[in-house]
Amino acid sequence: MATSTLAEIVYPDSDGKPMADNTRQFDEMVRIKNGLDALFADRADVFVAGDLLWYPVEG
């Protein structure tokens, strides 16, 4: 009888690329993140982050 083995699921924590190509891009990304923090400050069901790889579905 054949059995199947599931492959290990790997969730990388980096894509090896910089978050921004230059200071201006970084400043704008921080500005957007801070604005979203302020917009959703009173929402317990909202998480705001930057420069994260997100895996909403297993596998």
PDB file of N, CA and C in Angstrom:
ATOM      1  N   MET A   1       0.841  -1.179   0.000  1.00  0.00           N
ATOM      2  CA  MET A   1       0.000   0.000   0.000  1.00  0.00           C
ATOM      3  C   MET A   1       0.891   1.250   0.000  1.00  0.00           C
ATOM      4  N   ALA A   2       0.632   2.157  -0.891  1.00  0.00           N
ATOM      5  CA  ALA A   2       1.419   3.383  -1.009  1.00  0.00           C
ATOM      6  C   ALA A   2       0.944   4.407   0.007  1.00  0.00           C
ATOM      7  N   THR A   3       1.890   5.115   0.575  1.00  0.00           N
ATOM      8  CA  THR A   3       1.547   6.207   1.485  1.00  0.00           C
ATOM      9  C   THR A   3       2.106   7.494   0.911  1.00  0.00           C
ATOM     10  N   SER A   4       1.400   8.566   1.152  1.00  0.00           N
ATOM     11  CA  SER A   4       1.883   9.855   0.660  1.00  0.00           C
ATOM     12  C   SER A   4       2.474  10.642   1.820  1.00  0.00           C
ATOM     13  N   THR A   5       3.528  11.352   1.527  1.00  0.00           N
ATOM     14  CA  THR A   5       4.182  12.190   2.517  1.00  0.00           C
ATOM     15  C   THR A   5       4.039  13.638   2.066  1.00  0.00           C
ATOM     16  N   LEU A   6       3.542  14.453   2.972  1.00  0.00           N
ATOM     17  CA  LEU A   6       3.397  15.872   2.654  1.00  0.00           C
ATOM     18  C   LEU A   6       4.754  16.564   2.752  1.00  0.00           C
ATOM     19  N   ALA A   7       5.028  17.405   1.796  1.00  0.00           N
ATOM     20  CA  ALA A   7       6.264  18.181   1.817  1.00  0.00           C
ATOM     21  C   ALA A   7       6.178  19.249   2.903  1.00  0.00           C
ATOM     22  N   GLU A   8       7.308  19.540   3.514  1.00  0.00           N
ATOM     23  CA  GLU A   8       7.345  20.589   4.525  1.00  0.00           C
ATOM     24  C   GLU A   8       7.034  21.934   3.875  1.00  0.00           C
ATOM     25  N   ILE A   9       6.172  22.695   4.518  1.00  0.00           N
ATOM     26  CA  ILE A   9       5.823  24.025   4.014  1.00  0.00           C
ATOM     27  C   ILE A   9       6.823  25.024   4.587  1.00  0.00           C
ATOM     28  N   VAL A  10       7.425  25.792   3.718  1.00  0.00           N
ATOM     29  CA  VAL A  10       8.413  26.790   4.141  1.00  0.00           C
ATOM     30  C   VAL A  10       7.828  28.179   3.914  1.00  0.00           C
ATOM     31  N   TYR A  11       7.866  28.994   4.954  1.00  0.00           N
ATOM     32  CA  TYR A  11       7.397  30.368   4.867  1.00  0.00           C
ATOM     33  C   TYR A  11       8.615  31.292   5.004  1.00  0.00           C
ATOM     34  N   PRO A  12       9.172  31.762   3.898  1.00  0.00           N
ATOM     35  CA  PRO A  12      10.364  32.621   3.976  1.00  0.00           C
ATOM     36  C   PRO A  12      10.081  33.895   4.766  1.00  0.00           C
ATOM     37  N   ASP A  13      11.078  34.359   5.504  1.00  0.00           N
ATOM     38  CA  ASP A  13      10.913  35.609   6.248  1.00  0.00           C
ATOM     39  C   ASP A  13      11.594  36.778   5.548  1.00  0.00           C
ATOM     40  N   SER A  14      12.115  36.539   4.350  1.00  0.00           N
ATOM     41  CA  SER A  14      12.735  37.599   3.564  1.00  0.00           C
ATOM     42  C   SER A  14      12.693  37.228   2.090  1.00  0.00           C
ATOM     43  N   ASP A  15      12.570  38.255   1.258  1.00  0.00           N
ATOM     44  CA  ASP A  15      12.659  38.005  -0.186  1.00  0.00           C
ATOM     45  C   ASP A  15      14.033  38.414  -0.710  1.00  0.00           C
ATOM     46  N   GLY A  16      14.910  38.844   0.207  1.00  0.00           N
ATOM     47  CA  GLY A  16      16.265  39.209  -0.169  1.00  0.00           C
ATOM     48  C   GLY A  16      16.394  40.561  -0.845  1.00  0.00           C
ATOM     49  N   LYS A  17      15.305  41.309  -0.895  1.00  0.00           N
ATOM     50  CA  LYS A  17      15.324  42.615  -1.559  1.00  0.00           C
ATOM     51  C   LYS A  17      15.179  43.721  -0.522  1.00  0.00           C
ATOM     52  N   PRO A  18      15.764  44.890  -0.786  1.00  0.00           N
ATOM     53  CA  PRO A  18      15.603  46.001   0.146  1.00  0.00           C
ATOM     54  C   PRO A  18      14.162  46.514   0.141  1.00  0.00           C
ATOM     55  N   MET A  19      13.747  47.069   1.278  1.00  0.00           N
ATOM     56  CA  MET A  19      12.391  47.587   1.389  1.00  0.00           C
ATOM     57  C   MET A  19      12.171  48.755   0.429  1.00  0.00           C
ATOM     58  N   ALA A  20      13.168  49.588   0.263  1.00  0.00           N
ATOM     59  CA  ALA A  20      13.061  50.750  -0.627  1.00  0.00           C
ATOM     60  C   ALA A  20      14.366  50.895  -1.401  1.00  0.00           C
ATOM     61  N   ASP A  21      14.270  51.513  -2.563  1.00  0.00           N
ATOM     62  CA  ASP A  21      15.462  51.734  -3.382  1.00  0.00           C
ATOM     63  C   ASP A  21      16.223  52.994  -2.990  1.00  0.00           C
ATOM     64  N   ASN A  22      15.533  53.889  -2.269  1.00  0.00           N
ATOM     65  CA  ASN A  22      16.187  55.141  -1.887  1.00  0.00           C
ATOM     66  C   ASN A  22      15.471  55.742  -0.687  1.00  0.00           C
ATOM     67  N   THR A  23      16.039  56.801  -0.148  1.00  0.00           N
ATOM     68  CA  THR A  23      15.493  57.425   1.058  1.00  0.00           C
ATOM     69  C   THR A  23      14.102  57.994   0.824  1.00  0.00           C
ATOM     70  N   ARG A  24      13.867  58.570  -0.328  1.00  0.00           N
ATOM     71  CA  ARG A  24      12.547  59.149  -0.607  1.00  0.00           C
ATOM     72  C   ARG A  24      11.462  58.065  -0.582  1.00  0.00           C
ATOM     73  N   GLN A  25      11.736  56.932  -1.211  1.00  0.00           N
ATOM     74  CA  GLN A  25      10.763  55.837  -1.183  1.00  0.00           C
ATOM     75  C   GLN A  25      10.520  55.374   0.251  1.00  0.00           C
ATOM     76  N   PHE A  26      11.587  55.235   1.027  1.00  0.00           N
ATOM     77  CA  PHE A  26      11.451  54.815   2.415  1.00  0.00           C
ATOM     78  C   PHE A  26      10.607  55.810   3.205  1.00  0.00           C
ATOM     79  N   ASP A  27      10.885  57.103   3.036  1.00  0.00           N
ATOM     80  CA  ASP A  27      10.117  58.134   3.741  1.00  0.00           C
ATOM     81  C   ASP A  27       8.632  58.036   3.412  1.00  0.00           C
ATOM     82  N   GLU A  28       8.307  57.824   2.153  1.00  0.00           N
ATOM     83  CA  GLU A  28       6.899  57.718   1.753  1.00  0.00           C
ATOM     84  C   GLU A  28       6.249  56.461   2.323  1.00  0.00           C
ATOM     85  N   MET A  29       6.987  55.372   2.355  1.00  0.00           N
ATOM     86  CA  MET A  29       6.443  54.143   2.932  1.00  0.00           C
ATOM     87  C   MET A  29       6.155  54.322   4.419  1.00  0.00           C
ATOM     88  N   VAL A  30       7.061  54.984   5.125  1.00  0.00           N
ATOM     89  CA  VAL A  30       6.863  55.250   6.550  1.00  0.00           C
ATOM     90  C   VAL A  30       5.680  56.187   6.743  1.00  0.00           C
ATOM     91  N   ARG A  31       5.549  57.191   5.891  1.00  0.00           N
ATOM     92  CA  ARG A  31       4.433  58.133   5.985  1.00  0.00           C
ATOM     93  C   ARG A  31       3.096  57.404   5.802  1.00  0.00           C
ATOM     94  N   ILE A  32       3.026  56.522   4.831  1.00  0.00           N
ATOM     95  CA  ILE A  32       1.796  55.755   4.588  1.00  0.00           C
ATOM     96  C   ILE A  32       1.497  54.846   5.774  1.00  0.00           C
ATOM     97  N   LYS A  33       2.517  54.159   6.276  1.00  0.00           N
ATOM     98  CA  LYS A  33       2.319  53.261   7.419  1.00  0.00           C
ATOM     99  C   LYS A  33       1.829  54.042   8.635  1.00  0.00           C
ATOM    100  N   ASN A  34       2.435  55.190   8.905  1.00  0.00           N
ATOM    101  CA  ASN A  34       2.013  56.010  10.041  1.00  0.00           C
ATOM    102  C   ASN A  34       0.593  56.531   9.857  1.00  0.00           C
ATOM    103  N   GLY A  35       0.234  56.895   8.637  1.00  0.00           N
ATOM    104  CA  GLY A  35      -1.135  57.338   8.368  1.00  0.00           C
ATOM    105  C   GLY A  35      -2.145  56.225   8.605  1.00  0.00           C
ATOM    106  N   LEU A  36      -1.806  55.018   8.176  1.00  0.00           N
ATOM    107  CA  LEU A  36      -2.699  53.881   8.416  1.00  0.00           C
ATOM    108  C   LEU A  36      -2.800  53.571   9.904  1.00  0.00           C
ATOM    109  N   ASP A  37      -1.685  53.701  10.638  1.00  0.00           N
ATOM    110  CA  ASP A  37      -1.725  53.537  12.098  1.00  0.00           C
ATOM    111  C   ASP A  37      -2.735  54.499  12.716  1.00  0.00           C
ATOM    112  N   ALA A  38      -2.676  55.761  12.304  1.00  0.00           N
ATOM    113  CA  ALA A  38      -3.585  56.774  12.843  1.00  0.00           C
ATOM    114  C   ALA A  38      -5.026  56.488  12.433  1.00  0.00           C
ATOM    115  N   LEU A  39      -5.229  56.107  11.181  1.00  0.00           N
ATOM    116  CA  LEU A  39      -6.573  55.844  10.672  1.00  0.00           C
ATOM    117  C   LEU A  39      -7.251  54.701  11.414  1.00  0.00           C
ATOM    118  N   PHE A  40      -6.493  53.663  11.732  1.00  0.00           N
ATOM    119  CA  PHE A  40      -7.074  52.472  12.351  1.00  0.00           C
ATOM    120  C   PHE A  40      -6.735  52.342  13.833  1.00  0.00           C
ATOM    121  N   ALA A  41      -6.322  53.421  14.473  1.00  0.00           N
ATOM    122  CA  ALA A  41      -5.889  53.380  15.871  1.00  0.00           C
ATOM    123  C   ALA A  41      -6.948  52.823  16.814  1.00  0.00           C
ATOM    124  N   ASP A  42      -8.215  53.067  16.523  1.00  0.00           N
ATOM    125  CA  ASP A  42      -9.280  52.601  17.420  1.00  0.00           C
ATOM    126  C   ASP A  42      -9.882  51.265  16.991  1.00  0.00           C
ATOM    127  N   ARG A  43      -9.251  50.571  16.068  1.00  0.00           N
ATOM    128  CA  ARG A  43      -9.758  49.286  15.563  1.00  0.00           C
ATOM    129  C   ARG A  43      -8.891  48.145  16.078  1.00  0.00           C
ATOM    130  N   ALA A  44      -9.435  47.350  16.988  1.00  0.00           N
ATOM    131  CA  ALA A  44      -8.700  46.209  17.531  1.00  0.00           C
ATOM    132  C   ALA A  44      -8.546  45.089  16.507  1.00  0.00           C
ATOM    133  N   ASP A  45      -9.367  45.129  15.449  1.00  0.00           N
ATOM    134  CA  ASP A  45      -9.329  44.055  14.448  1.00  0.00           C
ATOM    135  C   ASP A  45      -8.425  44.382  13.260  1.00  0.00           C
ATOM    136  N   VAL A  46      -7.642  45.457  13.363  1.00  0.00           N
ATOM    137  CA  VAL A  46      -6.756  45.857  12.264  1.00  0.00           C
ATOM    138  C   VAL A  46      -5.317  45.891  12.768  1.00  0.00           C
ATOM    139  N   PHE A  47      -4.427  45.274  11.995  1.00  0.00           N
ATOM    140  CA  PHE A  47      -2.995  45.274  12.290  1.00  0.00           C
ATOM    141  C   PHE A  47      -2.283  45.944  11.125  1.00  0.00           C
ATOM    142  N   VAL A  48      -1.517  46.969  11.410  1.00  0.00           N
ATOM    143  CA  VAL A  48      -0.773  47.685  10.376  1.00  0.00           C
ATOM    144  C   VAL A  48       0.715  47.405  10.584  1.00  0.00           C
ATOM    145  N   ALA A  49       1.382  47.014   9.515  1.00  0.00           N
ATOM    146  CA  ALA A  49       2.819  46.741   9.589  1.00  0.00           C
ATOM    147  C   ALA A  49       3.454  47.113   8.262  1.00  0.00           C
ATOM    148  N   GLY A  50       4.748  47.088   8.235  1.00  0.00           N
ATOM    149  CA  GLY A  50       5.466  47.358   7.001  1.00  0.00           C
ATOM    150  C   GLY A  50       6.616  46.383   6.824  1.00  0.00           C
ATOM    151  N   ASP A  51       6.953  46.113   5.586  1.00  0.00           N
ATOM    152  CA  ASP A  51       8.079  45.256   5.232  1.00  0.00           C
ATOM    153  C   ASP A  51       7.962  43.847   5.817  1.00  0.00           C
ATOM    154  N   LEU A  52       6.761  43.287   5.767  1.00  0.00           N
ATOM    155  CA  LEU A  52       6.541  41.917   6.225  1.00  0.00           C
ATOM    156  C   LEU A  52       6.048  41.070   5.067  1.00  0.00           C
ATOM    157  N   LEU A  53       6.460  39.829   5.057  1.00  0.00           N
ATOM    158  CA  LEU A  53       5.855  38.869   4.134  1.00  0.00           C
ATOM    159  C   LEU A  53       4.683  38.254   4.885  1.00  0.00           C
ATOM    160  N   TRP A  54       3.534  38.198   4.249  1.00  0.00           N
ATOM    161  CA  TRP A  54       2.305  37.777   4.911  1.00  0.00           C
ATOM    162  C   TRP A  54       1.771  36.539   4.223  1.00  0.00           C
ATOM    163  N   TYR A  55       1.396  35.555   5.010  1.00  0.00           N
ATOM    164  CA  TYR A  55       0.869  34.298   4.485  1.00  0.00           C
ATOM    165  C   TYR A  55      -0.515  34.071   5.080  1.00  0.00           C
ATOM    166  N   PRO A  56      -1.569  34.605   4.431  1.00  0.00           N
ATOM    167  CA  PRO A  56      -2.919  34.524   4.996  1.00  0.00           C
ATOM    168  C   PRO A  56      -3.537  33.134   4.928  1.00  0.00           C
ATOM    169  N   VAL A  57      -2.999  32.261   4.084  1.00  0.00           N
ATOM    170  CA  VAL A  57      -3.552  30.919   3.916  1.00  0.00           C
ATOM    171  C   VAL A  57      -2.426  29.907   4.095  1.00  0.00           C
ATOM    172  N   GLU A  58      -2.663  28.872   4.893  1.00  0.00           N
ATOM    173  CA  GLU A  58      -1.642  27.849   5.086  1.00  0.00           C
ATOM    174  C   GLU A  58      -1.349  27.141   3.777  1.00  0.00           C
ATOM    175  N   GLY A  59      -0.072  26.938   3.520  1.00  0.00           N
ATOM    176  CA  GLY A  59       0.328  26.205   2.317  1.00  0.00           C
ATOM    177  C   GLY A  59       0.652  27.116   1.201  1.00  0.00           C
TER     178      GLY A  59
END
